[in-house]
């Protein structure tokens, strides 16, 4: 499975008409950090993932690109 976190984060940010710098301010990280996440160079720590999920009102499964079928396979 392709790691989709960065792509999903970028989509969500653009849907809210936020620049990387603005999202960085909301999450208390730098624009460079947001860029790194969106390019899948690095991943945020759990605490930040929780902030992202809460801010965008999405599930962690959506954010990481897991489908219901993927979750069923894990169970």
PDB file of N, CA and C in Angstrom:
ATOM      1  N   UNK A   1       0.837  -1.186   0.000  1.00  0.00           N
ATOM      2  CA  UNK A   1       0.000   0.000   0.000  1.00  0.00           C
ATOM      3  C   UNK A   1       0.881   1.250   0.000  1.00  0.00           C
ATOM      4  N   UNK A   2       0.525   2.197  -0.788  1.00  0.00           N
ATOM      5  CA  UNK A   2       1.267   3.444  -0.872  1.00  0.00           C
ATOM      6  C   UNK A   2       0.931   4.304   0.332  1.00  0.00           C
ATOM      7  N   UNK A   3       1.953   4.891   0.922  1.00  0.00           N
ATOM      8  CA  UNK A   3       1.753   5.764   2.079  1.00  0.00           C
ATOM      9  C   UNK A   3       1.157   7.083   1.603  1.00  0.00           C
ATOM     10  N   UNK A   4      -0.066   7.378   2.034  1.00  0.00           N
ATOM     11  CA  UNK A   4      -0.812   8.526   1.519  1.00  0.00           C
ATOM     12  C   UNK A   4      -0.906   9.708   2.471  1.00  0.00           C
ATOM     13  N   UNK A   5      -0.273   9.644   3.626  1.00  0.00           N
ATOM     14  CA  UNK A   5      -0.436  10.707   4.614  1.00  0.00           C
ATOM     15  C   UNK A   5      -0.183  12.090   4.020  1.00  0.00           C
ATOM     16  N   UNK A   6       0.946  12.274   3.368  1.00  0.00           N
ATOM     17  CA  UNK A   6       1.307  13.589   2.833  1.00  0.00           C
ATOM     18  C   UNK A   6       0.302  14.107   1.830  1.00  0.00           C
ATOM     19  N   UNK A   7      -0.153  13.221   0.956  1.00  0.00           N
ATOM     20  CA  UNK A   7      -1.141  13.599  -0.053  1.00  0.00           C
ATOM     21  C   UNK A   7      -2.460  14.014   0.605  1.00  0.00           C
ATOM     22  N   UNK A   8      -2.895  13.245   1.588  1.00  0.00           N
ATOM     23  CA  UNK A   8      -4.150  13.563   2.286  1.00  0.00           C
ATOM     24  C   UNK A   8      -4.025  14.880   3.047  1.00  0.00           C
ATOM     25  N   UNK A   9      -2.896  15.083   3.702  1.00  0.00           N
ATOM     26  CA  UNK A   9      -2.696  16.324   4.443  1.00  0.00           C
ATOM     27  C   UNK A   9      -2.746  17.519   3.503  1.00  0.00           C
ATOM     28  N   UNK A  10      -2.086  17.402   2.378  1.00  0.00           N
ATOM     29  CA  UNK A  10      -2.089  18.495   1.396  1.00  0.00           C
ATOM     30  C   UNK A  10      -3.506  18.779   0.898  1.00  0.00           C
ATOM     31  N   UNK A  11      -4.251  17.715   0.576  1.00  0.00           N
ATOM     32  CA  UNK A  11      -5.639  17.878   0.120  1.00  0.00           C
ATOM     33  C   UNK A  11      -6.472  18.621   1.161  1.00  0.00           C
ATOM     34  N   UNK A  12      -6.359  18.195   2.402  1.00  0.00           N
ATOM     35  CA  UNK A  12      -7.135  18.821   3.477  1.00  0.00           C
ATOM     36  C   UNK A  12      -6.753  20.286   3.659  1.00  0.00           C
ATOM     37  N   UNK A  13      -5.458  20.557   3.599  1.00  0.00           N
ATOM     38  CA  UNK A  13      -4.975  21.926   3.778  1.00  0.00           C
ATOM     39  C   UNK A  13      -5.510  22.819   2.661  1.00  0.00           C
ATOM     40  N   UNK A  14      -5.460  22.343   1.442  1.00  0.00           N
ATOM     41  CA  UNK A  14      -5.926  23.126   0.294  1.00  0.00           C
ATOM     42  C   UNK A  14      -7.444  23.330   0.355  1.00  0.00           C
ATOM     43  N   UNK A  15      -8.175  22.290   0.764  1.00  0.00           N
ATOM     44  CA  UNK A  15      -9.630  22.427   0.901  1.00  0.00           C
ATOM     45  C   UNK A  15     -10.009  23.547   1.868  1.00  0.00           C
ATOM     46  N   UNK A  16      -9.187  23.745   2.893  1.00  0.00           N
ATOM     47  CA  UNK A  16      -9.440  24.807   3.878  1.00  0.00           C
ATOM     48  C   UNK A  16      -8.785  26.123   3.473  1.00  0.00           C
ATOM     49  N   UNK A  17      -8.217  26.163   2.274  1.00  0.00           N
ATOM     50  CA  UNK A  17      -7.538  27.363   1.770  1.00  0.00           C
ATOM     51  C   UNK A  17      -6.448  27.863   2.717  1.00  0.00           C
ATOM     52  N   UNK A  18      -5.681  26.920   3.235  1.00  0.00           N
ATOM     53  CA  UNK A  18      -4.585  27.267   4.131  1.00  0.00           C
ATOM     54  C   UNK A  18      -3.257  27.121   3.407  1.00  0.00           C
ATOM     55  N   UNK A  19      -2.364  28.039   3.676  1.00  0.00           N
ATOM     56  CA  UNK A  19      -0.980  27.900   3.206  1.00  0.00           C
ATOM     57  C   UNK A  19      -0.249  27.007   4.195  1.00  0.00           C
ATOM     58  N   UNK A  20       0.870  26.465   3.761  1.00  0.00           N
ATOM     59  CA  UNK A  20       1.658  25.626   4.660  1.00  0.00           C
ATOM     60  C   UNK A  20       2.039  26.395   5.921  1.00  0.00           C
ATOM     61  N   UNK A  21       2.395  27.631   5.767  1.00  0.00           N
ATOM     62  CA  UNK A  21       2.771  28.455   6.915  1.00  0.00           C
ATOM     63  C   UNK A  21       1.617  28.598   7.897  1.00  0.00           C
ATOM     64  N   UNK A  22       0.408  28.789   7.371  1.00  0.00           N
ATOM     65  CA  UNK A  22      -0.764  28.956   8.236  1.00  0.00           C
ATOM     66  C   UNK A  22      -1.070  27.668   9.006  1.00  0.00           C
ATOM     67  N   UNK A  23      -0.994  26.531   8.326  1.00  0.00           N
ATOM     68  CA  UNK A  23      -1.223  25.266   9.016  1.00  0.00           C
ATOM     69  C   UNK A  23      -0.126  25.038  10.050  1.00  0.00           C
ATOM     70  N   UNK A  24       1.092  25.406   9.705  1.00  0.00           N
ATOM     71  CA  UNK A  24       2.189  25.299  10.661  1.00  0.00           C
ATOM     72  C   UNK A  24       1.933  26.097  11.921  1.00  0.00           C
ATOM     73  N   UNK A  25       1.402  27.297  11.771  1.00  0.00           N
ATOM     74  CA  UNK A  25       1.083  28.117  12.938  1.00  0.00           C
ATOM     75  C   UNK A  25       0.007  27.456  13.794  1.00  0.00           C
ATOM     76  N   UNK A  26      -0.984  26.867  13.150  1.00  0.00           N
ATOM     77  CA  UNK A  26      -2.068  26.189  13.877  1.00  0.00           C
ATOM     78  C   UNK A  26      -1.515  25.004  14.671  1.00  0.00           C
ATOM     79  N   UNK A  27      -0.585  24.280  14.058  1.00  0.00           N
ATOM     80  CA  UNK A  27      -0.030  23.076  14.682  1.00  0.00           C
ATOM     81  C   UNK A  27       1.238  23.354  15.483  1.00  0.00           C
ATOM     82  N   UNK A  28       1.676  24.603  15.465  1.00  0.00           N
ATOM     83  CA  UNK A  28       2.885  25.020  16.177  1.00  0.00           C
ATOM     84  C   UNK A  28       4.140  24.317  15.651  1.00  0.00           C
ATOM     85  N   UNK A  29       4.235  24.245  14.312  1.00  0.00           N
ATOM     86  CA  UNK A  29       5.421  23.717  13.639  1.00  0.00           C
ATOM     87  C   UNK A  29       5.775  24.656  12.488  1.00  0.00           C
ATOM     88  N   UNK A  30       6.920  24.467  11.900  1.00  0.00           N
ATOM     89  CA  UNK A  30       7.359  25.347  10.817  1.00  0.00           C
ATOM     90  C   UNK A  30       6.728  24.970   9.479  1.00  0.00           C
ATOM     91  N   UNK A  31       6.786  25.913   8.550  1.00  0.00           N
ATOM     92  CA  UNK A  31       6.341  25.652   7.178  1.00  0.00           C
ATOM     93  C   UNK A  31       7.157  24.501   6.581  1.00  0.00           C
ATOM     94  N   UNK A  32       8.441  24.470   6.868  1.00  0.00           N
ATOM     95  CA  UNK A  32       9.311  23.406   6.356  1.00  0.00           C
ATOM     96  C   UNK A  32       8.871  22.034   6.867  1.00  0.00           C
ATOM     97  N   UNK A  33       8.384  21.981   8.094  1.00  0.00           N
ATOM     98  CA  UNK A  33       7.895  20.724   8.651  1.00  0.00           C
ATOM     99  C   UNK A  33       6.649  20.256   7.915  1.00  0.00           C
ATOM    100  N   UNK A  34       5.724  21.181   7.665  1.00  0.00           N
ATOM    101  CA  UNK A  34       4.514  20.843   6.907  1.00  0.00           C
ATOM    102  C   UNK A  34       4.909  20.323   5.524  1.00  0.00           C
ATOM    103  N   UNK A  35       5.827  21.015   4.879  1.00  0.00           N
ATOM    104  CA  UNK A  35       6.295  20.601   3.561  1.00  0.00           C
ATOM    105  C   UNK A  35       6.887  19.195   3.605  1.00  0.00           C
ATOM    106  N   UNK A  36       7.682  18.926   4.601  1.00  0.00           N
ATOM    107  CA  UNK A  36       8.309  17.612   4.747  1.00  0.00           C
ATOM    108  C   UNK A  36       7.266  16.517   4.922  1.00  0.00           C
ATOM    109  N   UNK A  37       6.219  16.800   5.689  1.00  0.00           N
ATOM    110  CA  UNK A  37       5.139  15.825   5.866  1.00  0.00           C
ATOM    111  C   UNK A  37       4.407  15.604   4.560  1.00  0.00           C
ATOM    112  N   UNK A  38       4.092  16.696   3.863  1.00  0.00           N
ATOM    113  CA  UNK A  38       3.336  16.585   2.618  1.00  0.00           C
ATOM    114  C   UNK A  38       4.122  15.835   1.541  1.00  0.00           C
ATOM    115  N   UNK A  39       5.428  15.888   1.610  1.00  0.00           N
ATOM    116  CA  UNK A  39       6.265  15.181   0.640  1.00  0.00           C
ATOM    117  C   UNK A  39       6.649  13.780   1.135  1.00  0.00           C
ATOM    118  N   UNK A  40       6.069  13.392   2.271  1.00  0.00           N
ATOM    119  CA  UNK A  40       6.323  12.085   2.888  1.00  0.00           C
ATOM    120  C   UNK A  40       7.789  11.839   3.199  1.00  0.00           C
ATOM    121  N   UNK A  41       8.512  12.902   3.474  1.00  0.00           N
ATOM    122  CA  UNK A  41       9.912  12.747   3.895  1.00  0.00           C
ATOM    123  C   UNK A  41       9.973  12.356   5.366  1.00  0.00           C
ATOM    124  N   UNK A  42       9.073  12.924   6.162  1.00  0.00           N
ATOM    125  CA  UNK A  42       8.987  12.612   7.583  1.00  0.00           C
ATOM    126  C   UNK A  42       7.510  12.497   7.947  1.00  0.00           C
ATOM    127  N   UNK A  43       7.250  11.970   9.112  1.00  0.00           N
ATOM    128  CA  UNK A  43       5.887  11.858   9.612  1.00  0.00           C
ATOM    129  C   UNK A  43       5.805  12.568  10.958  1.00  0.00           C
ATOM    130  N   UNK A  44       4.631  13.121  11.243  1.00  0.00           N
ATOM    131  CA  UNK A  44       4.474  13.823  12.513  1.00  0.00           C
ATOM    132  C   UNK A  44       4.368  12.844  13.680  1.00  0.00           C
ATOM    133  N   UNK A  45       4.696  13.316  14.879  1.00  0.00           N
ATOM    134  CA  UNK A  45       4.491  12.475  16.057  1.00  0.00           C
ATOM    135  C   UNK A  45       2.992  12.319  16.330  1.00  0.00           C
ATOM    136  N   UNK A  46       2.658  11.339  17.134  1.00  0.00           N
ATOM    137  CA  UNK A  46       1.267  11.023  17.431  1.00  0.00           C
ATOM    138  C   UNK A  46       0.484  12.245  17.924  1.00  0.00           C
ATOM    139  N   UNK A  47       1.091  13.038  18.792  1.00  0.00           N
ATOM    140  CA  UNK A  47       0.390  14.198  19.348  1.00  0.00           C
ATOM    141  C   UNK A  47      -0.053  15.161  18.245  1.00  0.00           C
ATOM    142  N   UNK A  48       0.768  15.320  17.236  1.00  0.00           N
ATOM    143  CA  UNK A  48       0.435  16.208  16.120  1.00  0.00           C
ATOM    144  C   UNK A  48      -0.611  15.560  15.222  1.00  0.00           C
ATOM    145  N   UNK A  49      -0.510  14.252  15.018  1.00  0.00           N
ATOM    146  CA  UNK A  49      -1.533  13.560  14.231  1.00  0.00           C
ATOM    147  C   UNK A  49      -2.896  13.792  14.865  1.00  0.00           C
ATOM    148  N   UNK A  50      -2.965  13.707  16.185  1.00  0.00           N
ATOM    149  CA  UNK A  50      -4.233  13.950  16.885  1.00  0.00           C
ATOM    150  C   UNK A  50      -4.734  15.361  16.619  1.00  0.00           C
ATOM    151  N   UNK A  51      -3.844  16.337  16.657  1.00  0.00           N
ATOM    152  CA  UNK A  51      -4.238  17.724  16.361  1.00  0.00           C
ATOM    153  C   UNK A  51      -4.763  17.856  14.927  1.00  0.00           C
ATOM    154  N   UNK A  52      -4.095  17.201  14.001  1.00  0.00           N
ATOM    155  CA  UNK A  52      -4.509  17.256  12.588  1.00  0.00           C
ATOM    156  C   UNK A  52      -5.896  16.634  12.424  1.00  0.00           C
ATOM    157  N   UNK A  53      -6.080  15.462  13.001  1.00  0.00           N
ATOM    158  CA  UNK A  53      -7.367  14.763  12.927  1.00  0.00           C
ATOM    159  C   UNK A  53      -8.477  15.636  13.517  1.00  0.00           C
ATOM    160  N   UNK A  54      -8.215  16.229  14.670  1.00  0.00           N
ATOM    161  CA  UNK A  54      -9.217  17.084  15.321  1.00  0.00           C
ATOM    162  C   UNK A  54      -9.494  18.342  14.508  1.00  0.00           C
ATOM    163  N   UNK A  55      -8.448  18.980  14.011  1.00  0.00           N
ATOM    164  CA  UNK A  55      -8.614  20.230  13.268  1.00  0.00           C
ATOM    165  C   UNK A  55      -9.420  20.023  11.992  1.00  0.00           C
ATOM    166  N   UNK A  56      -9.086  18.970  11.246  1.00  0.00           N
ATOM    167  CA  UNK A  56      -9.758  18.730   9.969  1.00  0.00           C
ATOM    168  C   UNK A  56     -11.011  17.854  10.116  1.00  0.00           C
ATOM    169  N   UNK A  57     -11.244  17.361  11.321  1.00  0.00           N
ATOM    170  CA  UNK A  57     -12.416  16.529  11.598  1.00  0.00           C
ATOM    171  C   UNK A  57     -12.483  15.316  10.666  1.00  0.00           C
ATOM    172  N   UNK A  58     -11.367  14.593  10.622  1.00  0.00           N
ATOM    173  CA  UNK A  58     -11.285  13.369   9.831  1.00  0.00           C
ATOM    174  C   UNK A  58     -10.799  12.235  10.739  1.00  0.00           C
ATOM    175  N   UNK A  59     -10.940  11.013  10.258  1.00  0.00           N
ATOM    176  CA  UNK A  59     -10.444   9.873  11.031  1.00  0.00           C
ATOM    177  C   UNK A  59      -8.966   9.662  10.722  1.00  0.00           C
ATOM    178  N   UNK A  60      -8.247   9.086  11.661  1.00  0.00           N
ATOM    179  CA  UNK A  60      -6.854   8.719  11.367  1.00  0.00           C
ATOM    180  C   UNK A  60      -6.768   7.770  10.168  1.00  0.00           C
ATOM    181  N   UNK A  61      -7.747   6.889  10.035  1.00  0.00           N
ATOM    182  CA  UNK A  61      -7.749   5.963   8.896  1.00  0.00           C
ATOM    183  C   UNK A  61      -7.774   6.722   7.581  1.00  0.00           C
ATOM    184  N   UNK A  62      -8.616   7.737   7.481  1.00  0.00           N
ATOM    185  CA  UNK A  62      -8.666   8.555   6.270  1.00  0.00           C
ATOM    186  C   UNK A  62      -7.318   9.228   6.035  1.00  0.00           C
ATOM    187  N   UNK A  63      -6.771   9.812   7.085  1.00  0.00           N
ATOM    188  CA  UNK A  63      -5.528  10.570   6.971  1.00  0.00           C
ATOM    189  C   UNK A  63      -4.376   9.707   6.473  1.00  0.00           C
ATOM    190  N   UNK A  64      -4.362   8.449   6.879  1.00  0.00           N
ATOM    191  CA  UNK A  64      -3.277   7.561   6.468  1.00  0.00           C
ATOM    192  C   UNK A  64      -3.638   6.694   5.274  1.00  0.00           C
ATOM    193  N   UNK A  65      -4.842   6.927   4.711  1.00  0.00           N
ATOM    194  CA  UNK A  65      -5.220   6.238   3.482  1.00  0.00           C
ATOM    195  C   UNK A  65      -5.706   4.820   3.651  1.00  0.00           C
ATOM    196  N   UNK A  66      -6.116   4.445   4.875  1.00  0.00           N
ATOM    197  CA  UNK A  66      -6.649   3.109   5.096  1.00  0.00           C
ATOM    198  C   UNK A  66      -8.129   3.077   4.757  1.00  0.00           C
ATOM    199  N   UNK A  67      -8.535   2.028   4.079  1.00  0.00           N
ATOM    200  CA  UNK A  67      -9.954   1.825   3.780  1.00  0.00           C
ATOM    201  C   UNK A  67     -10.541   0.884   4.828  1.00  0.00           C
ATOM    202  N   UNK A  68     -11.855   0.740   4.813  1.00  0.00           N
ATOM    203  CA  UNK A  68     -12.503  -0.215   5.717  1.00  0.00           C
ATOM    204  C   UNK A  68     -12.014  -1.632   5.444  1.00  0.00           C
ATOM    205  N   UNK A  69     -11.746  -1.940   4.172  1.00  0.00           N
ATOM    206  CA  UNK A  69     -11.226  -3.271   3.825  1.00  0.00           C
ATOM    207  C   UNK A  69      -9.849  -3.504   4.442  1.00  0.00           C
ATOM    208  N   UNK A  70      -9.010  -2.468   4.430  1.00  0.00           N
ATOM    209  CA  UNK A  70      -7.679  -2.589   5.035  1.00  0.00           C
ATOM    210  C   UNK A  70      -7.790  -2.884   6.521  1.00  0.00           C
ATOM    211  N   UNK A  71      -8.691  -2.189   7.192  1.00  0.00           N
ATOM    212  CA  UNK A  71      -8.878  -2.353   8.631  1.00  0.00           C
ATOM    213  C   UNK A  71      -9.411  -3.755   8.925  1.00  0.00           C
ATOM    214  N   UNK A  72     -10.339  -4.239   8.109  1.00  0.00           N
ATOM    215  CA  UNK A  72     -10.889  -5.578   8.293  1.00  0.00           C
ATOM    216  C   UNK A  72      -9.790  -6.638   8.182  1.00  0.00           C
ATOM    217  N   UNK A  73      -8.843  -6.427   7.295  1.00  0.00           N
ATOM    218  CA  UNK A  73      -7.734  -7.382   7.131  1.00  0.00           C
ATOM    219  C   UNK A  73      -6.843  -7.411   8.359  1.00  0.00           C
ATOM    220  N   UNK A  74      -6.703  -6.258   9.023  1.00  0.00           N
ATOM    221  CA  UNK A  74      -5.889  -6.177  10.233  1.00  0.00           C
ATOM    222  C   UNK A  74      -6.553  -6.945  11.373  1.00  0.00           C
ATOM    223  N   UNK A  75      -7.887  -6.804  11.469  1.00  0.00           N
ATOM    224  CA  UNK A  75      -8.638  -7.485  12.533  1.00  0.00           C
ATOM    225  C   UNK A  75      -8.507  -8.973  12.355  1.00  0.00           C
TER     226      UNK A  75
END
